C-alpha atoms as a PDB file:
ATOM      1  CA  MET A   1      56.259 -79.289  20.699  1.00  0.00           C
ATOM      2  CA  ALA A   2      54.440 -80.620  17.649  1.00  0.00           C
ATOM      3  CA  GLU A   3      52.059 -78.332  15.759  1.00  0.00           C
ATOM      4  CA  ALA A   4      50.711 -75.959  18.428  1.00  0.00           C
ATOM      5  CA  VAL A   5      46.994 -75.164  18.465  1.00  0.00           C
ATOM      6  CA  TYR A   6      45.055 -72.584  20.451  1.00  0.00           C
ATOM      7  CA  LEU A   7      43.490 -73.789  23.711  1.00  0.00           C
ATOM      8  CA  THR A   8      42.281 -70.680  25.544  1.00  0.00           C
ATOM      9  CA  LEU A   9      42.896 -67.073  26.527  1.00  0.00           C
ATOM     10  CA  VAL A  10      43.649 -66.101  30.127  1.00  0.00           C
ATOM     11  CA  PRO A  11      43.695 -62.553  31.514  1.00  0.00           C
ATOM     12  CA  THR A  12      46.961 -62.663  33.503  1.00  0.00           C
ATOM     13  CA  GLU A  13      50.402 -64.230  33.465  1.00  0.00           C
ATOM     14  CA  TYR A  14      49.667 -65.731  36.876  1.00  0.00           C
ATOM     15  CA  GLU A  15      46.653 -67.622  35.500  1.00  0.00           C
ATOM     16  CA  ALA A  16      48.670 -68.724  32.461  1.00  0.00           C
ATOM     17  CA  ASN A  17      51.355 -70.162  34.748  1.00  0.00           C
ATOM     18  CA  ILE A  18      48.781 -71.997  36.866  1.00  0.00           C
ATOM     19  CA  LEU A  19      47.028 -73.455  33.823  1.00  0.00           C
ATOM     20  CA  CYS A  20      50.283 -74.559  32.215  1.00  0.00           C
ATOM     21  CA  ALA A  21      51.348 -76.155  35.507  1.00  0.00           C
ATOM     22  CA  LEU A  22      48.076 -78.127  35.580  1.00  0.00           C
ATOM     23  CA  LEU A  23      48.549 -79.248  31.983  1.00  0.00           C
ATOM     24  CA  ARG A  24      52.170 -80.250  32.580  1.00  0.00           C
ATOM     25  CA  THR A  25      51.243 -82.366  35.613  1.00  0.00           C
ATOM     26  CA  GLU A  26      49.019 -84.306  33.211  1.00  0.00           C
ATOM     27  CA  GLY A  27      51.882 -84.743  30.717  1.00  0.00           C
ATOM     28  CA  ILE A  28      50.659 -82.064  28.298  1.00  0.00           C
ATOM     29  CA  GLU A  29      53.215 -79.575  27.012  1.00  0.00           C
ATOM     30  CA  CYS A  30      51.990 -76.019  26.657  1.00  0.00           C
ATOM     31  CA  GLU A  31      53.161 -72.613  25.526  1.00  0.00           C
ATOM     32  CA  GLN A  32      51.914 -69.214  26.532  1.00  0.00           C
ATOM     33  CA  ARG A  33      52.080 -66.164  24.304  1.00  0.00           C
ATOM     34  CA  ARG A  34      51.183 -62.596  25.164  1.00  0.00           C
ATOM     35  CA  THR A  35      48.580 -61.070  22.877  1.00  0.00           C
ATOM     36  CA  ASN A  36      48.590 -57.509  21.628  1.00  0.00           C
ATOM     37  CA  LEU A  37      45.232 -56.842  23.311  1.00  0.00           C
ATOM     38  CA  GLY A  38      46.909 -54.955  26.166  1.00  0.00           C
ATOM     39  CA  VAL A  39      48.933 -52.623  23.947  1.00  0.00           C
ATOM     40  CA  GLY A  40      49.373 -49.233  25.578  1.00  0.00           C
ATOM     41  CA  THR A  41      48.244 -50.297  29.035  1.00  0.00           C
ATOM     42  CA  MET A  42      51.744 -50.172  30.510  1.00  0.00           C
ATOM     43  CA  ASP A  43      52.962 -46.890  28.928  1.00  0.00           C
ATOM     44  CA  GLY A  44      55.004 -48.749  26.344  1.00  0.00           C
ATOM     45  CA  MET A  45      56.623 -51.114  28.831  1.00  0.00           C
ATOM     46  CA  PRO A  46      56.330 -54.824  28.142  1.00  0.00           C
ATOM     47  CA  GLY A  47      53.812 -56.697  30.227  1.00  0.00           C
ATOM     48  CA  GLY A  48      50.138 -56.570  30.943  1.00  0.00           C
ATOM     49  CA  GLY A  49      47.345 -57.931  28.830  1.00  0.00           C
ATOM     50  CA  PRO A  50      45.977 -61.415  28.294  1.00  0.00           C
ATOM     51  CA  LEU A  51      47.909 -64.484  27.197  1.00  0.00           C
ATOM     52  CA  GLU A  52      46.988 -67.260  24.790  1.00  0.00           C
ATOM     53  CA  ILE A  53      47.647 -70.855  25.776  1.00  0.00           C
ATOM     54  CA  PHE A  54      48.668 -73.351  23.095  1.00  0.00           C
ATOM     55  CA  VAL A  55      49.059 -77.143  23.247  1.00  0.00           C
ATOM     56  CA  ALA A  56      50.098 -79.815  20.767  1.00  0.00           C
ATOM     57  CA  GLU A  57      47.284 -80.733  18.402  1.00  0.00           C
ATOM     58  CA  GLN A  58      47.188 -84.337  19.628  1.00  0.00           C
ATOM     59  CA  ASP A  59      46.727 -83.091  23.235  1.00  0.00           C
ATOM     60  CA  LEU A  60      43.945 -80.606  22.501  1.00  0.00           C
ATOM     61  CA  ALA A  61      40.966 -82.807  23.442  1.00  0.00           C
ATOM     62  CA  ARG A  62      42.521 -83.877  26.753  1.00  0.00           C
ATOM     63  CA  ALA A  63      43.547 -80.293  27.544  1.00  0.00           C
ATOM     64  CA  GLN A  64      39.978 -79.098  26.871  1.00  0.00           C
ATOM     65  CA  GLU A  65      38.653 -81.773  29.244  1.00  0.00           C
ATOM     66  CA  LEU A  66      41.048 -80.640  31.990  1.00  0.00           C
ATOM     67  CA  LEU A  67      40.138 -77.012  31.385  1.00  0.00           C
ATOM     68  CA  ALA A  68      36.423 -77.806  31.659  1.00  0.00           C
ATOM     69  CA  ALA A  69      36.936 -79.919  34.781  1.00  0.00           C
ATOM     70  CA  SER A  70      38.924 -77.132  36.456  1.00  0.00           C
ATOM     71  CA  GLY A  71      36.140 -74.643  35.826  1.00  0.00           C
ATOM     72  CA  ALA A  72      38.571 -72.323  34.043  1.00  0.00           C
ATOM     73  CA  ASP A  73      36.786 -72.302  30.703  1.00  0.00           C
END
């Protein structure tokens, strides 16, 4: 992916997967990264907490439109 820029924050991995699937069906590559906002919620085990969604800079405007149209923003 070209230079990745922040698109949004989602509360669960499930929602991150759904959003990335929507973006990919529209030809937009995306990445999801776990934040450190959920640190300590799983007794030191990995998992839990929100995820950030990133897209290529040139796809940001289109991704924001899709996000708004889906009602997920």
